[in-house]
N, C-alpha and C. Protein backbone atom coordinates (compact mmCIF):
# COMPACT_ATOMS: atom_id res chain seq x y z
N MET A 1 21.38 67.66 1.38
CA MET A 1 19.95 67.66 1.60
C MET A 1 19.22 67.79 0.27
N THR A 2 18.12 67.09 0.18
CA THR A 2 17.32 67.17 -1.04
C THR A 2 16.36 68.35 -0.94
N THR A 3 15.75 68.66 -2.05
CA THR A 3 14.76 69.74 -2.07
C THR A 3 13.61 69.42 -1.12
N PHE A 4 13.21 68.16 -1.09
CA PHE A 4 12.14 67.76 -0.18
C PHE A 4 12.55 67.99 1.27
N ASP A 5 13.77 67.63 1.62
CA ASP A 5 14.26 67.84 2.98
C ASP A 5 14.28 69.32 3.33
N ASN A 6 14.70 70.14 2.39
CA ASN A 6 14.72 71.59 2.62
C ASN A 6 13.32 72.13 2.85
N ARG A 7 12.38 71.66 2.05
CA ARG A 7 10.98 72.10 2.22
C ARG A 7 10.43 71.67 3.56
N GLU A 8 10.71 70.42 3.92
CA GLU A 8 10.22 69.90 5.19
C GLU A 8 10.79 70.73 6.35
N GLN A 9 12.07 71.03 6.29
CA GLN A 9 12.71 71.83 7.33
C GLN A 9 12.10 73.23 7.39
N ALA A 10 11.82 73.81 6.23
CA ALA A 10 11.22 75.14 6.19
C ALA A 10 9.83 75.13 6.82
N PHE A 11 9.03 74.10 6.52
CA PHE A 11 7.70 74.00 7.10
C PHE A 11 7.78 73.80 8.62
N GLU A 12 8.73 72.99 9.07
CA GLU A 12 8.88 72.78 10.51
C GLU A 12 9.29 74.08 11.20
N ASN A 13 10.18 74.83 10.59
CA ASN A 13 10.60 76.11 11.15
C ASN A 13 9.44 77.09 11.21
N GLU A 14 8.66 77.14 10.15
CA GLU A 14 7.50 78.04 10.11
C GLU A 14 6.48 77.66 11.18
N PHE A 15 6.24 76.36 11.33
CA PHE A 15 5.31 75.89 12.35
C PHE A 15 5.78 76.29 13.74
N ALA A 16 7.06 76.08 14.01
CA ALA A 16 7.61 76.43 15.33
C ALA A 16 7.50 77.93 15.57
N HIS A 17 7.78 78.71 14.55
CA HIS A 17 7.68 80.17 14.68
C HIS A 17 6.24 80.59 14.94
N ASP A 18 5.29 80.00 14.22
CA ASP A 18 3.87 80.31 14.42
C ASP A 18 3.41 79.95 15.83
N GLN A 19 3.87 78.80 16.33
CA GLN A 19 3.50 78.37 17.68
C GLN A 19 4.06 79.33 18.72
N GLU A 20 5.28 79.78 18.50
CA GLU A 20 5.90 80.73 19.43
C GLU A 20 5.13 82.05 19.45
N LYS A 21 4.75 82.53 18.27
CA LYS A 21 3.97 83.77 18.19
C LYS A 21 2.62 83.60 18.88
N ARG A 22 2.00 82.47 18.67
CA ARG A 22 0.69 82.21 19.29
C ARG A 22 0.81 82.22 20.81
N PHE A 23 1.86 81.59 21.33
CA PHE A 23 2.07 81.56 22.77
C PHE A 23 2.26 82.98 23.31
N LYS A 24 3.06 83.79 22.60
CA LYS A 24 3.30 85.17 23.03
C LYS A 24 2.00 85.97 23.04
N VAL A 25 1.21 85.81 21.99
CA VAL A 25 -0.05 86.55 21.90
C VAL A 25 -0.98 86.15 23.03
N GLU A 26 -1.10 84.86 23.29
CA GLU A 26 -1.99 84.40 24.35
C GLU A 26 -1.52 84.86 25.72
N ALA A 27 -0.23 84.84 25.96
CA ALA A 27 0.31 85.30 27.25
C ALA A 27 0.05 86.79 27.42
N LYS A 28 0.24 87.57 26.37
CA LYS A 28 -0.03 89.01 26.44
C LYS A 28 -1.52 89.26 26.65
N ARG A 29 -2.36 88.50 25.94
CA ARG A 29 -3.81 88.63 26.13
C ARG A 29 -4.18 88.37 27.58
N ASP A 30 -3.63 87.30 28.13
CA ASP A 30 -3.93 86.95 29.51
C ASP A 30 -3.47 88.04 30.48
N ARG A 31 -2.33 88.62 30.20
CA ARG A 31 -1.83 89.70 31.06
C ARG A 31 -2.76 90.90 30.98
N TYR A 32 -3.13 91.31 29.78
CA TYR A 32 -4.00 92.48 29.63
C TYR A 32 -5.37 92.26 30.26
N VAL A 33 -5.95 91.10 30.04
CA VAL A 33 -7.27 90.84 30.63
C VAL A 33 -7.14 90.66 32.14
N GLY A 34 -6.00 90.15 32.60
CA GLY A 34 -5.76 90.05 34.03
C GLY A 34 -5.65 91.42 34.69
N LEU A 35 -4.99 92.35 34.01
CA LEU A 35 -4.89 93.72 34.53
C LEU A 35 -6.26 94.40 34.53
N TRP A 36 -7.06 94.12 33.50
CA TRP A 36 -8.43 94.66 33.42
C TRP A 36 -9.23 94.15 34.63
N ALA A 37 -9.16 92.84 34.87
CA ALA A 37 -9.91 92.25 35.98
C ALA A 37 -9.39 92.77 37.33
N ALA A 38 -8.09 92.93 37.44
CA ALA A 38 -7.51 93.44 38.68
C ALA A 38 -8.03 94.83 38.99
N GLU A 39 -8.18 95.64 37.95
CA GLU A 39 -8.74 96.99 38.14
C GLU A 39 -10.17 96.88 38.65
N LYS A 40 -10.95 95.98 38.05
CA LYS A 40 -12.34 95.79 38.48
C LYS A 40 -12.41 95.31 39.93
N LEU A 41 -11.39 94.58 40.36
CA LEU A 41 -11.35 94.06 41.72
C LEU A 41 -10.74 95.06 42.71
N GLY A 42 -10.27 96.20 42.19
CA GLY A 42 -9.71 97.24 43.05
C GLY A 42 -8.31 96.93 43.56
N LYS A 43 -7.56 96.13 42.83
CA LYS A 43 -6.21 95.78 43.26
C LYS A 43 -5.23 96.91 42.96
N THR A 44 -4.22 97.05 43.82
CA THR A 44 -3.18 98.06 43.62
C THR A 44 -2.16 97.54 42.60
N ALA A 45 -1.21 98.39 42.23
CA ALA A 45 -0.25 98.07 41.17
C ALA A 45 0.45 96.72 41.35
N GLY A 46 1.07 96.51 42.50
CA GLY A 46 1.77 95.26 42.74
C GLY A 46 0.85 94.06 42.77
N ASP A 47 -0.29 94.22 43.42
CA ASP A 47 -1.28 93.14 43.47
C ASP A 47 -1.89 92.89 42.10
N ALA A 48 -2.06 93.94 41.32
CA ALA A 48 -2.62 93.79 39.96
C ALA A 48 -1.67 92.97 39.10
N ASP A 49 -0.38 93.22 39.22
CA ASP A 49 0.60 92.47 38.44
C ASP A 49 0.59 91.00 38.85
N GLU A 50 0.52 90.73 40.13
CA GLU A 50 0.46 89.34 40.61
C GLU A 50 -0.82 88.66 40.12
N TYR A 51 -1.92 89.40 40.14
CA TYR A 51 -3.18 88.82 39.66
C TYR A 51 -3.07 88.49 38.17
N ALA A 52 -2.49 89.40 37.38
CA ALA A 52 -2.31 89.15 35.95
C ALA A 52 -1.48 87.89 35.72
N LYS A 53 -0.45 87.69 36.53
CA LYS A 53 0.37 86.49 36.42
C LYS A 53 -0.45 85.24 36.75
N SER A 54 -1.37 85.35 37.68
CA SER A 54 -2.20 84.20 38.02
C SER A 54 -3.15 83.85 36.87
N VAL A 55 -3.56 84.86 36.11
CA VAL A 55 -4.41 84.60 34.93
C VAL A 55 -3.58 83.89 33.87
N ILE A 56 -2.35 84.31 33.68
CA ILE A 56 -1.46 83.64 32.72
C ILE A 56 -1.28 82.18 33.11
N ARG A 57 -1.03 81.93 34.40
CA ARG A 57 -0.86 80.55 34.87
C ARG A 57 -2.14 79.74 34.68
N ALA A 58 -3.29 80.36 34.85
CA ALA A 58 -4.56 79.65 34.68
C ALA A 58 -4.72 79.15 33.26
N ASP A 59 -4.17 79.90 32.30
CA ASP A 59 -4.30 79.52 30.89
C ASP A 59 -3.49 78.28 30.55
N LEU A 60 -2.58 77.89 31.40
CA LEU A 60 -1.74 76.73 31.13
C LEU A 60 -2.39 75.42 31.58
N LYS A 61 -3.56 75.51 32.21
CA LYS A 61 -4.20 74.32 32.77
C LYS A 61 -4.77 73.40 31.69
N GLU A 62 -5.38 73.97 30.66
CA GLU A 62 -5.99 73.16 29.61
C GLU A 62 -5.95 73.93 28.29
N PRO A 63 -6.06 73.22 27.17
CA PRO A 63 -6.06 73.91 25.88
C PRO A 63 -7.26 74.85 25.75
N GLY A 64 -7.08 75.91 24.98
CA GLY A 64 -8.16 76.87 24.78
C GLY A 64 -8.14 77.95 25.83
N ASP A 65 -9.12 78.83 25.74
CA ASP A 65 -9.15 79.96 26.66
C ASP A 65 -10.26 79.88 27.69
N ASN A 66 -10.94 78.75 27.74
CA ASN A 66 -12.04 78.60 28.70
C ASN A 66 -11.54 78.63 30.15
N ASP A 67 -10.32 78.14 30.37
CA ASP A 67 -9.77 78.16 31.74
C ASP A 67 -9.56 79.60 32.22
N VAL A 68 -9.19 80.50 31.32
CA VAL A 68 -9.04 81.92 31.67
C VAL A 68 -10.41 82.50 31.99
N PHE A 69 -11.38 82.23 31.13
CA PHE A 69 -12.74 82.72 31.37
C PHE A 69 -13.26 82.23 32.72
N GLU A 70 -13.08 80.96 33.00
CA GLU A 70 -13.58 80.38 34.25
C GLU A 70 -12.92 81.03 35.47
N LYS A 71 -11.63 81.31 35.39
CA LYS A 71 -10.95 81.99 36.50
C LYS A 71 -11.54 83.37 36.70
N LEU A 72 -11.67 84.12 35.61
CA LEU A 72 -12.22 85.47 35.72
C LEU A 72 -13.66 85.44 36.23
N ARG A 73 -14.44 84.50 35.73
CA ARG A 73 -15.84 84.40 36.17
C ARG A 73 -15.90 84.11 37.66
N ALA A 74 -15.03 83.24 38.14
CA ALA A 74 -15.03 82.89 39.57
C ALA A 74 -14.57 84.07 40.44
N ASP A 75 -13.67 84.88 39.92
CA ASP A 75 -13.09 85.97 40.72
C ASP A 75 -13.89 87.26 40.68
N LEU A 76 -14.56 87.53 39.58
CA LEU A 76 -15.27 88.81 39.41
C LEU A 76 -16.71 88.71 39.90
N PRO A 77 -17.22 89.78 40.49
CA PRO A 77 -18.60 89.76 41.00
C PRO A 77 -19.62 89.64 39.85
N LYS A 78 -20.48 88.63 39.95
CA LYS A 78 -21.46 88.37 38.90
C LYS A 78 -22.49 89.48 38.75
N ASN A 79 -22.78 90.17 39.83
CA ASN A 79 -23.79 91.23 39.77
C ASN A 79 -23.30 92.45 39.01
N ASP A 80 -21.98 92.66 39.01
CA ASP A 80 -21.41 93.85 38.37
C ASP A 80 -20.84 93.60 36.99
N ILE A 81 -20.37 92.37 36.75
CA ILE A 81 -19.67 92.07 35.50
C ILE A 81 -20.27 90.80 34.90
N SER A 82 -20.82 90.95 33.70
CA SER A 82 -21.49 89.83 33.04
C SER A 82 -20.48 88.96 32.29
N ASP A 83 -20.95 87.78 31.88
CA ASP A 83 -20.13 86.91 31.04
C ASP A 83 -19.74 87.64 29.75
N GLN A 84 -20.68 88.41 29.20
CA GLN A 84 -20.40 89.17 27.98
C GLN A 84 -19.30 90.20 28.21
N ASP A 85 -19.31 90.84 29.37
CA ASP A 85 -18.26 91.81 29.70
C ASP A 85 -16.89 91.13 29.70
N ILE A 86 -16.84 89.94 30.29
CA ILE A 86 -15.57 89.20 30.36
C ILE A 86 -15.12 88.80 28.96
N ARG A 87 -16.04 88.25 28.18
CA ARG A 87 -15.69 87.82 26.80
C ARG A 87 -15.22 89.01 25.97
N LYS A 88 -15.87 90.16 26.13
CA LYS A 88 -15.47 91.35 25.39
C LYS A 88 -14.08 91.81 25.82
N ALA A 89 -13.82 91.79 27.11
CA ALA A 89 -12.49 92.17 27.62
C ALA A 89 -11.43 91.21 27.08
N MET A 90 -11.75 89.93 26.99
CA MET A 90 -10.81 88.95 26.45
C MET A 90 -10.56 89.21 24.97
N THR A 91 -11.61 89.52 24.23
CA THR A 91 -11.47 89.81 22.80
C THR A 91 -10.65 91.07 22.58
N ASP A 92 -10.95 92.11 23.34
CA ASP A 92 -10.20 93.36 23.22
C ASP A 92 -8.72 93.15 23.57
N ALA A 93 -8.47 92.38 24.63
CA ALA A 93 -7.09 92.10 25.05
C ALA A 93 -6.36 91.29 23.98
N LEU A 94 -7.06 90.36 23.34
CA LEU A 94 -6.47 89.56 22.28
C LEU A 94 -6.08 90.44 21.10
N GLN A 95 -6.96 91.35 20.73
CA GLN A 95 -6.66 92.25 19.61
C GLN A 95 -5.45 93.12 19.92
N LYS A 96 -5.39 93.63 21.12
CA LYS A 96 -4.26 94.46 21.54
C LYS A 96 -2.97 93.65 21.50
N ALA A 97 -3.02 92.43 22.00
CA ALA A 97 -1.84 91.56 22.00
C ALA A 97 -1.39 91.23 20.58
N MET A 98 -2.34 90.93 19.70
CA MET A 98 -1.99 90.61 18.31
C MET A 98 -1.35 91.81 17.62
N ASP A 99 -1.91 92.99 17.84
CA ASP A 99 -1.34 94.20 17.25
C ASP A 99 0.10 94.42 17.75
N GLU A 100 0.29 94.21 19.03
CA GLU A 100 1.61 94.41 19.63
C GLU A 100 2.64 93.43 19.08
N VAL A 101 2.26 92.16 18.95
CA VAL A 101 3.18 91.15 18.44
C VAL A 101 3.50 91.40 16.97
N ARG A 102 2.52 91.83 16.20
CA ARG A 102 2.75 92.13 14.78
C ARG A 102 3.76 93.25 14.60
N LYS A 103 3.66 94.24 15.46
CA LYS A 103 4.57 95.39 15.36
C LYS A 103 5.99 95.03 15.76
N GLY A 104 6.12 93.95 16.49
CA GLY A 104 7.45 93.49 16.85
C GLY A 104 7.86 93.90 18.17
């Protein structure tokens, strides 16, 4: 292998690793925000876990996190929980997930 081939392989490996970390962070974020929403909806432990899984599945529908927001917005009562509340919960959950993945 040439030096160029080695570099190319290293970049491909780094890209794959970064994509894997991103997927893990997003899945953890979705789980945390799903558990937050489940609490707001008054779900019990088992139902809360199932709801969190449904939020993770919702994130696989389209690129970005708008599909998660839309699911939460549709499920949560608008009179009690604002769009800003949802966005803040998503941001907080993302930070928690990033911290967790960094720590290993």
